[in-house]
């Protein structure tokens, strides 16, 4: 058994301005999300768009966002016109998330912009942008890793995991997601 040290979490430090807003502002968003966003009736799409915009999200017209959507830091989220964000989707926006127009992110999908450097003993956190271009569909329970771009018109099949960029206009499935055929 090796005596090598893999992680010393006492050495972990959050990078300066990692959240992009002061701590009190982050806490205010989490309170608003819990009390006003998640408890709103299904049909109150404009209300939820308004709350996200109030906290700095860039949201296009006609966007449908379900009340069970979780957004870590809305000021790092951009969603284009007429996109749909389904039930229990997590927009883990430690880094920027850019979702184009006419995009469907189906229920229980997880867009994860952050992770840790497991090779460093201090286990530093990092964030990298995720981009979902126009007219994509992420079916149910899709995981998208940091630093991934899913190109225009691509469909990602249910329960797939996307760790690398995907080409435009394809259907991709699996873990890791691989091109099955053209759309």
N, C-alpha and C. Protein backbone atom coordinates (compact mmCIF):
# COMPACT_ATOMS: atom_id res chain seq x y z
N UNK A 1 0.84 -1.18 0.00
CA UNK A 1 0.00 0.00 0.00
C UNK A 1 0.88 1.24 0.00
N UNK A 2 0.62 2.16 -0.89
CA UNK A 2 1.40 3.38 -1.01
C UNK A 2 1.08 4.36 0.11
N UNK A 3 2.09 5.07 0.57
CA UNK A 3 1.88 6.09 1.60
C UNK A 3 1.72 7.47 0.95
N UNK A 4 1.64 7.49 -0.36
CA UNK A 4 1.48 8.75 -1.10
C UNK A 4 0.20 9.44 -0.68
N UNK A 5 0.25 10.75 -0.57
CA UNK A 5 -0.93 11.55 -0.25
C UNK A 5 -1.62 11.97 -1.55
N UNK A 6 -2.91 11.69 -1.65
CA UNK A 6 -3.65 12.03 -2.86
C UNK A 6 -4.38 13.37 -2.75
N UNK A 7 -4.99 13.63 -1.60
CA UNK A 7 -5.71 14.89 -1.40
C UNK A 7 -5.51 15.36 0.03
N UNK A 8 -5.27 16.62 0.15
CA UNK A 8 -5.21 17.29 1.45
C UNK A 8 -6.20 18.45 1.37
N UNK A 9 -7.42 18.19 1.75
CA UNK A 9 -8.48 19.18 1.57
C UNK A 9 -8.28 20.42 2.45
N UNK A 10 -7.49 20.30 3.49
CA UNK A 10 -7.17 21.48 4.30
C UNK A 10 -6.40 22.52 3.48
N UNK A 11 -5.80 22.09 2.37
CA UNK A 11 -5.04 22.99 1.51
C UNK A 11 -5.89 23.61 0.39
N UNK A 12 -7.14 23.19 0.29
CA UNK A 12 -8.03 23.70 -0.76
C UNK A 12 -8.30 25.19 -0.55
N UNK A 13 -8.26 25.94 -1.64
CA UNK A 13 -8.63 27.36 -1.61
C UNK A 13 -9.50 27.65 -2.83
N UNK A 14 -10.61 28.32 -2.59
CA UNK A 14 -11.46 28.75 -3.68
C UNK A 14 -10.76 29.86 -4.44
N UNK A 15 -10.67 29.79 -5.76
CA UNK A 15 -10.02 30.86 -6.52
C UNK A 15 -10.72 32.21 -6.29
N UNK A 16 -9.97 33.30 -6.37
CA UNK A 16 -10.58 34.63 -6.17
C UNK A 16 -11.73 34.86 -7.15
N UNK A 17 -12.82 35.42 -6.65
CA UNK A 17 -14.00 35.77 -7.45
C UNK A 17 -14.56 34.59 -8.25
N UNK A 18 -14.39 33.38 -7.73
CA UNK A 18 -14.84 32.17 -8.43
C UNK A 18 -16.34 32.19 -8.70
N UNK A 19 -17.10 32.67 -7.73
CA UNK A 19 -18.56 32.68 -7.88
C UNK A 19 -19.04 33.82 -8.78
N UNK A 20 -18.23 34.85 -8.94
CA UNK A 20 -18.60 35.96 -9.80
C UNK A 20 -19.48 37.01 -9.14
N UNK A 21 -19.85 36.81 -7.91
CA UNK A 21 -20.64 37.75 -7.11
C UNK A 21 -20.24 37.57 -5.65
N UNK A 22 -20.53 38.58 -4.81
CA UNK A 22 -20.21 38.45 -3.39
C UNK A 22 -21.03 37.32 -2.73
N UNK A 23 -20.53 36.81 -1.62
CA UNK A 23 -21.19 35.72 -0.91
C UNK A 23 -22.63 36.02 -0.54
N UNK A 24 -22.92 37.25 -0.08
CA UNK A 24 -24.29 37.58 0.31
C UNK A 24 -25.23 37.51 -0.88
N UNK A 25 -24.73 37.87 -2.09
CA UNK A 25 -25.55 37.85 -3.30
C UNK A 25 -25.87 36.41 -3.69
N UNK A 26 -24.86 35.55 -3.59
CA UNK A 26 -25.04 34.12 -3.88
C UNK A 26 -26.09 33.55 -2.94
N UNK A 27 -25.97 33.85 -1.64
CA UNK A 27 -26.94 33.35 -0.67
C UNK A 27 -28.34 33.88 -0.95
N UNK A 28 -28.45 35.15 -1.37
CA UNK A 28 -29.75 35.72 -1.72
C UNK A 28 -30.37 34.95 -2.89
N UNK A 29 -29.56 34.65 -3.93
CA UNK A 29 -30.08 33.87 -5.05
C UNK A 29 -30.58 32.51 -4.58
N UNK A 30 -29.79 31.83 -3.75
CA UNK A 30 -30.20 30.50 -3.29
C UNK A 30 -31.51 30.56 -2.50
N UNK A 31 -31.70 31.63 -1.74
CA UNK A 31 -32.94 31.82 -0.99
C UNK A 31 -34.11 32.07 -1.96
N UNK A 32 -33.90 32.97 -2.92
CA UNK A 32 -34.94 33.26 -3.92
C UNK A 32 -35.27 32.00 -4.72
N UNK A 33 -34.25 31.24 -5.10
CA UNK A 33 -34.48 30.01 -5.86
C UNK A 33 -35.34 29.04 -5.05
N UNK A 34 -35.05 28.88 -3.77
CA UNK A 34 -35.79 27.95 -2.92
C UNK A 34 -37.21 28.41 -2.65
N UNK A 35 -37.38 29.70 -2.37
CA UNK A 35 -38.69 30.18 -1.92
C UNK A 35 -39.60 30.69 -3.03
N UNK A 36 -39.05 31.26 -4.09
CA UNK A 36 -39.88 31.88 -5.12
C UNK A 36 -39.83 31.16 -6.47
N UNK A 37 -38.69 30.60 -6.81
CA UNK A 37 -38.53 29.94 -8.11
C UNK A 37 -39.13 28.53 -8.06
N UNK A 38 -38.63 27.71 -7.16
CA UNK A 38 -39.02 26.30 -7.10
C UNK A 38 -40.47 26.09 -6.67
N UNK A 39 -41.05 27.04 -5.96
CA UNK A 39 -42.44 26.90 -5.50
C UNK A 39 -43.45 27.48 -6.48
N UNK A 40 -42.99 28.06 -7.57
CA UNK A 40 -43.92 28.67 -8.52
C UNK A 40 -44.65 27.60 -9.33
N UNK A 41 -45.94 27.84 -9.64
CA UNK A 41 -46.70 26.89 -10.46
C UNK A 41 -46.07 26.70 -11.85
N UNK A 42 -46.31 25.54 -12.44
CA UNK A 42 -45.71 25.17 -13.72
C UNK A 42 -45.87 26.26 -14.78
N UNK A 43 -47.06 26.85 -14.87
CA UNK A 43 -47.36 27.78 -15.97
C UNK A 43 -46.67 29.13 -15.84
N UNK A 44 -45.97 29.40 -14.74
CA UNK A 44 -45.39 30.73 -14.51
C UNK A 44 -43.98 30.85 -15.11
N UNK A 45 -43.89 30.58 -16.40
CA UNK A 45 -42.60 30.64 -17.09
C UNK A 45 -42.02 32.05 -17.09
N UNK A 46 -42.86 33.05 -17.31
CA UNK A 46 -42.38 34.44 -17.34
C UNK A 46 -41.83 34.84 -15.97
N UNK A 47 -42.46 34.39 -14.91
CA UNK A 47 -42.00 34.66 -13.55
C UNK A 47 -40.59 34.13 -13.34
N UNK A 48 -40.37 32.87 -13.73
CA UNK A 48 -39.05 32.26 -13.54
C UNK A 48 -38.00 32.92 -14.44
N UNK A 49 -38.39 33.25 -15.68
CA UNK A 49 -37.47 33.99 -16.55
C UNK A 49 -37.09 35.31 -15.90
N UNK A 50 -38.08 35.99 -15.33
CA UNK A 50 -37.85 37.28 -14.68
C UNK A 50 -36.90 37.16 -13.49
N UNK A 51 -37.10 36.13 -12.66
CA UNK A 51 -36.21 35.93 -11.51
C UNK A 51 -34.77 35.68 -11.97
N UNK A 52 -34.62 34.83 -12.98
CA UNK A 52 -33.27 34.56 -13.49
C UNK A 52 -32.63 35.83 -14.06
N UNK A 53 -33.39 36.61 -14.82
CA UNK A 53 -32.88 37.86 -15.38
C UNK A 53 -32.51 38.85 -14.28
N UNK A 54 -33.33 38.91 -13.24
CA UNK A 54 -33.07 39.79 -12.11
C UNK A 54 -31.70 39.50 -11.49
N UNK A 55 -31.29 38.23 -11.55
CA UNK A 55 -30.00 37.82 -11.00
C UNK A 55 -28.92 37.68 -12.08
N UNK A 56 -29.15 38.28 -13.25
CA UNK A 56 -28.09 38.41 -14.24
C UNK A 56 -28.07 37.42 -15.37
N UNK A 57 -28.99 36.45 -15.40
CA UNK A 57 -29.04 35.52 -16.53
C UNK A 57 -29.50 36.28 -17.77
N UNK A 58 -29.04 35.82 -18.92
CA UNK A 58 -29.48 36.36 -20.20
C UNK A 58 -30.43 35.33 -20.80
N UNK A 59 -31.73 35.67 -20.81
CA UNK A 59 -32.77 34.72 -21.21
C UNK A 59 -33.54 35.31 -22.39
N UNK A 60 -33.64 34.53 -23.47
CA UNK A 60 -34.36 34.98 -24.65
C UNK A 60 -35.86 34.90 -24.49
N UNK A 61 -36.58 35.27 -25.54
CA UNK A 61 -38.04 35.26 -25.48
C UNK A 61 -38.58 33.84 -25.65
N UNK A 62 -39.72 33.61 -25.01
CA UNK A 62 -40.42 32.34 -25.16
C UNK A 62 -39.73 31.15 -24.50
N UNK A 63 -38.76 31.38 -23.65
CA UNK A 63 -38.04 30.28 -23.00
C UNK A 63 -38.94 29.64 -21.94
N UNK A 64 -38.96 28.32 -21.92
CA UNK A 64 -39.73 27.56 -20.93
C UNK A 64 -38.73 26.93 -19.97
N UNK A 65 -38.86 27.32 -18.70
CA UNK A 65 -38.00 26.78 -17.65
C UNK A 65 -38.91 26.24 -16.56
N UNK A 66 -38.78 24.96 -16.26
CA UNK A 66 -39.61 24.32 -15.26
C UNK A 66 -39.16 24.74 -13.85
N UNK A 67 -40.08 24.72 -12.87
CA UNK A 67 -39.73 25.18 -11.52
C UNK A 67 -38.71 24.31 -10.80
N UNK A 68 -38.55 23.07 -11.21
CA UNK A 68 -37.59 22.18 -10.54
C UNK A 68 -36.16 22.30 -11.09
N UNK A 69 -35.96 23.21 -12.05
CA UNK A 69 -34.61 23.45 -12.58
C UNK A 69 -33.75 24.07 -11.48
N UNK A 70 -32.51 23.63 -11.38
CA UNK A 70 -31.56 24.20 -10.40
C UNK A 70 -30.45 24.92 -11.16
N UNK A 71 -30.23 26.17 -10.80
CA UNK A 71 -29.18 26.98 -11.41
C UNK A 71 -28.26 27.47 -10.30
N UNK A 72 -27.01 27.10 -10.36
CA UNK A 72 -26.06 27.49 -9.32
C UNK A 72 -25.85 29.01 -9.28
N UNK A 73 -25.37 29.56 -10.39
CA UNK A 73 -25.10 31.00 -10.48
C UNK A 73 -25.75 31.52 -11.76
N UNK A 74 -26.96 32.08 -11.70
CA UNK A 74 -27.67 32.47 -12.93
C UNK A 74 -26.93 33.51 -13.76
N UNK A 75 -26.10 34.33 -13.14
CA UNK A 75 -25.36 35.36 -13.87
C UNK A 75 -24.34 34.76 -14.83
N UNK A 76 -24.16 33.45 -14.80
CA UNK A 76 -23.25 32.78 -15.73
C UNK A 76 -24.01 31.97 -16.78
N UNK A 77 -25.33 32.20 -16.90
CA UNK A 77 -26.17 31.41 -17.80
C UNK A 77 -26.77 32.31 -18.89
N UNK A 78 -26.70 31.81 -20.13
CA UNK A 78 -27.34 32.46 -21.28
C UNK A 78 -28.20 31.42 -21.98
N UNK A 79 -29.46 31.76 -22.26
CA UNK A 79 -30.37 30.84 -22.97
C UNK A 79 -31.04 31.63 -24.09
N UNK A 80 -30.94 31.11 -25.31
CA UNK A 80 -31.53 31.77 -26.48
C UNK A 80 -33.04 31.61 -26.56
N UNK A 81 -33.62 32.22 -27.56
CA UNK A 81 -35.07 32.25 -27.75
C UNK A 81 -35.67 30.85 -27.92
N UNK A 82 -36.86 30.67 -27.33
CA UNK A 82 -37.72 29.50 -27.51
C UNK A 82 -37.07 28.18 -27.11
N UNK A 83 -36.14 28.21 -26.19
CA UNK A 83 -35.55 26.97 -25.68
C UNK A 83 -36.36 26.47 -24.49
N UNK A 84 -36.27 25.16 -24.25
CA UNK A 84 -36.99 24.51 -23.16
C UNK A 84 -35.99 23.85 -22.22
N UNK A 85 -36.15 24.12 -20.93
CA UNK A 85 -35.31 23.50 -19.90
C UNK A 85 -36.25 22.69 -19.01
N UNK A 86 -36.10 21.35 -19.04
CA UNK A 86 -37.06 20.44 -18.43
C UNK A 86 -36.91 20.24 -16.93
N UNK A 87 -37.82 19.45 -16.39
CA UNK A 87 -37.86 19.17 -14.95
C UNK A 87 -36.56 18.57 -14.44
N UNK A 88 -36.14 19.07 -13.29
CA UNK A 88 -34.97 18.56 -12.55
C UNK A 88 -33.66 18.68 -13.32
N UNK A 89 -33.60 19.56 -14.30
CA UNK A 89 -32.33 19.84 -14.98
C UNK A 89 -31.45 20.63 -14.03
N UNK A 90 -30.17 20.31 -14.00
CA UNK A 90 -29.21 21.06 -13.21
C UNK A 90 -28.29 21.82 -14.15
N UNK A 91 -28.29 23.13 -14.01
CA UNK A 91 -27.34 23.99 -14.73
C UNK A 91 -26.28 24.37 -13.69
N UNK A 92 -25.28 23.50 -13.54
CA UNK A 92 -24.24 23.69 -12.54
C UNK A 92 -23.23 24.67 -13.09
N UNK A 93 -23.60 25.94 -12.97
CA UNK A 93 -22.92 27.02 -13.68
C UNK A 93 -21.79 27.64 -12.85
N UNK A 94 -20.85 26.81 -12.45
CA UNK A 94 -19.63 27.37 -11.85
C UNK A 94 -18.89 28.18 -12.91
N UNK A 95 -18.96 27.72 -14.15
CA UNK A 95 -18.48 28.45 -15.31
C UNK A 95 -19.68 28.82 -16.17
N UNK A 96 -19.42 29.44 -17.29
CA UNK A 96 -20.51 29.87 -18.17
C UNK A 96 -21.20 28.69 -18.84
N UNK A 97 -22.52 28.82 -18.96
CA UNK A 97 -23.33 27.90 -19.76
C UNK A 97 -24.05 28.74 -20.80
N UNK A 98 -23.82 28.41 -22.06
CA UNK A 98 -24.48 29.11 -23.16
C UNK A 98 -25.33 28.12 -23.93
N UNK A 99 -26.64 28.33 -23.88
CA UNK A 99 -27.60 27.47 -24.56
C UNK A 99 -28.22 28.31 -25.67
N UNK A 100 -28.20 27.80 -26.88
CA UNK A 100 -28.69 28.54 -28.04
C UNK A 100 -30.21 28.62 -28.08
N UNK A 101 -30.73 28.97 -29.24
CA UNK A 101 -32.17 29.08 -29.47
C UNK A 101 -32.73 27.75 -29.96
N UNK A 102 -34.00 27.52 -29.63
CA UNK A 102 -34.72 26.31 -30.06
C UNK A 102 -34.03 25.04 -29.59
N UNK A 103 -33.50 25.08 -28.38
CA UNK A 103 -32.81 23.93 -27.77
C UNK A 103 -33.74 23.30 -26.75
N UNK A 104 -33.71 21.97 -26.67
CA UNK A 104 -34.43 21.26 -25.63
C UNK A 104 -33.41 20.54 -24.75
N UNK A 105 -33.45 20.87 -23.45
CA UNK A 105 -32.66 20.14 -22.46
C UNK A 105 -33.70 19.38 -21.63
N UNK A 106 -33.79 18.07 -21.85
CA UNK A 106 -34.85 17.28 -21.23
C UNK A 106 -34.57 16.98 -19.76
N UNK A 107 -35.61 16.47 -19.10
CA UNK A 107 -35.60 16.25 -17.66
C UNK A 107 -34.38 15.47 -17.17
N UNK A 108 -33.95 15.89 -15.98
CA UNK A 108 -32.85 15.28 -15.23
C UNK A 108 -31.49 15.37 -15.92
N UNK A 109 -31.36 16.19 -16.95
CA UNK A 109 -30.03 16.38 -17.54
C UNK A 109 -29.19 17.25 -16.62
N UNK A 110 -27.87 17.11 -16.73
CA UNK A 110 -26.93 17.78 -15.82
C UNK A 110 -25.81 18.39 -16.64
N UNK A 111 -25.78 19.72 -16.69
CA UNK A 111 -24.70 20.44 -17.38
C UNK A 111 -23.72 20.91 -16.31
N UNK A 112 -22.54 20.31 -16.29
CA UNK A 112 -21.58 20.50 -15.21
C UNK A 112 -20.34 21.23 -15.71
N UNK A 113 -20.20 22.51 -15.36
CA UNK A 113 -19.08 23.31 -15.84
C UNK A 113 -17.85 23.23 -14.94
N UNK A 114 -17.94 22.55 -13.80
CA UNK A 114 -16.81 22.55 -12.87
C UNK A 114 -16.39 21.17 -12.44
N UNK A 115 -15.14 21.10 -12.00
CA UNK A 115 -14.60 19.87 -11.44
C UNK A 115 -13.37 20.22 -10.60
N UNK A 116 -12.61 19.21 -10.23
CA UNK A 116 -11.40 19.41 -9.43
C UNK A 116 -10.22 18.73 -10.12
N UNK A 117 -9.04 19.25 -9.89
CA UNK A 117 -7.81 18.64 -10.38
C UNK A 117 -7.39 17.55 -9.39
N UNK A 118 -7.75 16.32 -9.70
CA UNK A 118 -7.48 15.20 -8.80
C UNK A 118 -6.00 14.86 -8.70
N UNK A 119 -5.17 15.41 -9.61
CA UNK A 119 -3.74 15.13 -9.58
C UNK A 119 -2.98 16.07 -8.64
N UNK A 120 -3.66 17.09 -8.15
CA UNK A 120 -3.04 18.04 -7.23
C UNK A 120 -3.51 17.75 -5.81
N UNK A 121 -2.59 17.72 -4.89
CA UNK A 121 -2.91 17.43 -3.50
C UNK A 121 -3.90 18.44 -2.91
N UNK A 122 -3.86 19.70 -3.38
CA UNK A 122 -4.78 20.71 -2.85
C UNK A 122 -6.18 20.64 -3.49
N UNK A 123 -6.37 19.73 -4.46
CA UNK A 123 -7.67 19.44 -5.07
C UNK A 123 -8.35 20.71 -5.59
N UNK A 124 -7.62 21.56 -6.35
CA UNK A 124 -8.20 22.84 -6.78
C UNK A 124 -9.42 22.66 -7.69
N UNK A 125 -10.35 23.57 -7.52
CA UNK A 125 -11.55 23.56 -8.35
C UNK A 125 -11.29 24.39 -9.60
N UNK A 126 -11.95 24.00 -10.69
CA UNK A 126 -11.86 24.79 -11.92
C UNK A 126 -13.22 24.82 -12.60
N UNK A 127 -13.41 25.78 -13.48
CA UNK A 127 -14.65 25.91 -14.23
C UNK A 127 -14.32 26.14 -15.70
N UNK A 128 -15.08 25.48 -16.58
CA UNK A 128 -14.92 25.64 -18.02
C UNK A 128 -16.30 25.71 -18.66
N UNK A 129 -16.42 26.53 -19.66
CA UNK A 129 -17.69 26.81 -20.32
C UNK A 129 -18.27 25.58 -21.02
N UNK A 130 -19.59 25.51 -21.03
CA UNK A 130 -20.34 24.55 -21.84
C UNK A 130 -21.16 25.36 -22.84
N UNK A 131 -21.15 24.93 -24.11
CA UNK A 131 -21.94 25.58 -25.15
C UNK A 131 -22.82 24.53 -25.82
N UNK A 132 -24.12 24.81 -25.84
CA UNK A 132 -25.09 23.99 -26.58
C UNK A 132 -25.63 24.89 -27.68
N UNK A 133 -25.27 24.61 -28.91
CA UNK A 133 -25.66 25.48 -30.01
C UNK A 133 -27.13 25.30 -30.37
N UNK A 134 -27.64 26.16 -31.26
CA UNK A 134 -29.05 26.18 -31.67
C UNK A 134 -29.53 24.81 -32.13
N UNK A 135 -30.82 24.56 -31.85
CA UNK A 135 -31.58 23.44 -32.40
C UNK A 135 -31.07 22.06 -31.96
N UNK A 136 -30.43 22.00 -30.80
CA UNK A 136 -30.00 20.72 -30.23
C UNK A 136 -31.09 20.17 -29.34
N UNK A 137 -31.05 18.86 -29.13
CA UNK A 137 -31.92 18.20 -28.17
C UNK A 137 -31.09 17.26 -27.33
N UNK A 138 -31.05 17.52 -26.03
CA UNK A 138 -30.45 16.61 -25.07
C UNK A 138 -31.61 15.85 -24.45
N UNK A 139 -31.71 14.55 -24.74
CA UNK A 139 -32.82 13.74 -24.22
C UNK A 139 -32.64 13.56 -22.71
N UNK A 140 -33.51 12.80 -22.10
CA UNK A 140 -33.53 12.69 -20.64
C UNK A 140 -32.21 12.19 -20.04
N UNK A 141 -31.83 12.81 -18.94
CA UNK A 141 -30.73 12.34 -18.10
C UNK A 141 -29.36 12.36 -18.80
N UNK A 142 -29.12 13.37 -19.61
CA UNK A 142 -27.83 13.52 -20.29
C UNK A 142 -26.88 14.31 -19.40
N UNK A 143 -25.65 13.83 -19.30
CA UNK A 143 -24.59 14.53 -18.56
C UNK A 143 -23.67 15.20 -19.57
N UNK A 144 -23.37 16.50 -19.35
CA UNK A 144 -22.43 17.23 -20.20
C UNK A 144 -21.30 17.74 -19.30
N UNK A 145 -20.07 17.38 -19.65
CA UNK A 145 -18.89 17.71 -18.86
C UNK A 145 -18.39 19.12 -19.17
N UNK A 146 -17.50 19.65 -18.32
CA UNK A 146 -16.91 20.96 -18.57
C UNK A 146 -16.16 21.01 -19.91
N UNK A 147 -16.15 22.20 -20.52
CA UNK A 147 -15.39 22.46 -21.74
C UNK A 147 -15.90 21.67 -22.94
N UNK A 148 -17.21 21.49 -23.02
CA UNK A 148 -17.81 20.76 -24.14
C UNK A 148 -18.67 21.72 -24.95
N UNK A 149 -18.61 21.55 -26.28
CA UNK A 149 -19.52 22.23 -27.20
C UNK A 149 -20.29 21.17 -27.96
N UNK A 150 -21.61 21.29 -27.94
CA UNK A 150 -22.48 20.43 -28.74
C UNK A 150 -22.98 21.30 -29.88
N UNK A 151 -22.59 20.93 -31.09
CA UNK A 151 -22.82 21.77 -32.27
C UNK A 151 -24.28 21.73 -32.73
N UNK A 152 -24.62 22.70 -33.54
CA UNK A 152 -25.99 22.96 -34.00
C UNK A 152 -26.69 21.70 -34.53
N UNK A 153 -27.92 21.52 -34.03
CA UNK A 153 -28.79 20.47 -34.55
C UNK A 153 -28.51 19.07 -34.06
N UNK A 154 -27.60 18.91 -33.13
CA UNK A 154 -27.24 17.57 -32.65
C UNK A 154 -28.24 17.08 -31.61
N UNK A 155 -28.53 15.78 -31.67
CA UNK A 155 -29.37 15.11 -30.68
C UNK A 155 -28.47 14.20 -29.86
N UNK A 156 -28.61 14.29 -28.54
CA UNK A 156 -27.87 13.39 -27.65
C UNK A 156 -28.90 12.48 -26.98
N UNK A 157 -28.73 11.16 -27.16
CA UNK A 157 -29.69 10.18 -26.67
C UNK A 157 -29.76 10.10 -25.16
N UNK A 158 -30.87 9.58 -24.68
CA UNK A 158 -31.13 9.46 -23.24
C UNK A 158 -30.00 8.74 -22.53
N UNK A 159 -29.69 9.24 -21.34
CA UNK A 159 -28.68 8.67 -20.44
C UNK A 159 -27.27 8.63 -21.02
N UNK A 160 -27.01 9.47 -21.98
CA UNK A 160 -25.66 9.56 -22.55
C UNK A 160 -24.82 10.52 -21.72
N UNK A 161 -23.50 10.40 -21.83
CA UNK A 161 -22.56 11.29 -21.17
C UNK A 161 -21.64 11.90 -22.22
N UNK A 162 -21.56 13.22 -22.25
CA UNK A 162 -20.79 13.92 -23.27
C UNK A 162 -19.54 14.51 -22.63
N UNK A 163 -18.38 13.97 -23.01
CA UNK A 163 -17.10 14.41 -22.45
C UNK A 163 -16.24 15.16 -23.47
N UNK A 164 -16.65 15.14 -24.74
CA UNK A 164 -15.91 15.81 -25.82
C UNK A 164 -16.91 16.50 -26.74
N UNK A 165 -16.43 17.49 -27.49
CA UNK A 165 -17.29 18.20 -28.43
C UNK A 165 -17.98 17.23 -29.38
N UNK A 166 -19.21 17.57 -29.76
CA UNK A 166 -19.95 16.77 -30.74
C UNK A 166 -20.17 17.60 -32.00
N UNK A 167 -20.07 16.93 -33.15
CA UNK A 167 -20.22 17.56 -34.46
C UNK A 167 -21.66 18.03 -34.66
N UNK A 168 -21.88 18.91 -35.64
CA UNK A 168 -23.25 19.38 -35.91
C UNK A 168 -24.09 18.32 -36.61
N UNK A 169 -25.41 18.37 -36.35
CA UNK A 169 -26.37 17.58 -37.11
C UNK A 169 -26.24 16.09 -36.99
N UNK A 170 -25.84 15.59 -35.83
CA UNK A 170 -25.70 14.15 -35.65
C UNK A 170 -26.60 13.67 -34.52
N UNK A 171 -26.75 12.36 -34.43
CA UNK A 171 -27.35 11.72 -33.27
C UNK A 171 -26.22 10.98 -32.57
N UNK A 172 -26.02 11.29 -31.30
CA UNK A 172 -24.95 10.69 -30.52
C UNK A 172 -25.55 10.00 -29.31
N UNK A 173 -25.01 8.83 -28.97
CA UNK A 173 -25.51 8.07 -27.82
C UNK A 173 -24.34 7.42 -27.10
N UNK A 174 -24.58 7.07 -25.84
CA UNK A 174 -23.63 6.27 -25.09
C UNK A 174 -22.82 7.06 -24.09
N UNK A 175 -21.94 6.31 -23.41
CA UNK A 175 -21.03 6.88 -22.43
C UNK A 175 -19.64 6.32 -22.71
N UNK A 176 -18.78 7.11 -23.30
CA UNK A 176 -18.99 8.48 -23.75
C UNK A 176 -19.85 8.52 -25.03
N UNK A 177 -20.54 9.62 -25.23
CA UNK A 177 -21.43 9.76 -26.40
C UNK A 177 -20.61 9.69 -27.68
N UNK A 178 -21.07 8.86 -28.60
CA UNK A 178 -20.43 8.67 -29.90
C UNK A 178 -21.49 8.85 -30.99
N UNK A 179 -21.05 9.30 -32.15
CA UNK A 179 -21.97 9.49 -33.27
C UNK A 179 -22.56 8.16 -33.68
N UNK A 180 -23.89 8.12 -33.74
CA UNK A 180 -24.61 6.94 -34.21
C UNK A 180 -24.89 7.08 -35.71
N UNK A 181 -25.38 8.28 -36.08
CA UNK A 181 -25.68 8.57 -37.49
C UNK A 181 -25.96 10.05 -37.62
N UNK A 182 -26.19 10.52 -38.85
CA UNK A 182 -26.59 11.90 -39.06
C UNK A 182 -28.06 12.06 -38.72
N UNK A 183 -28.41 13.26 -38.35
CA UNK A 183 -29.79 13.53 -37.97
C UNK A 183 -30.67 13.62 -39.20
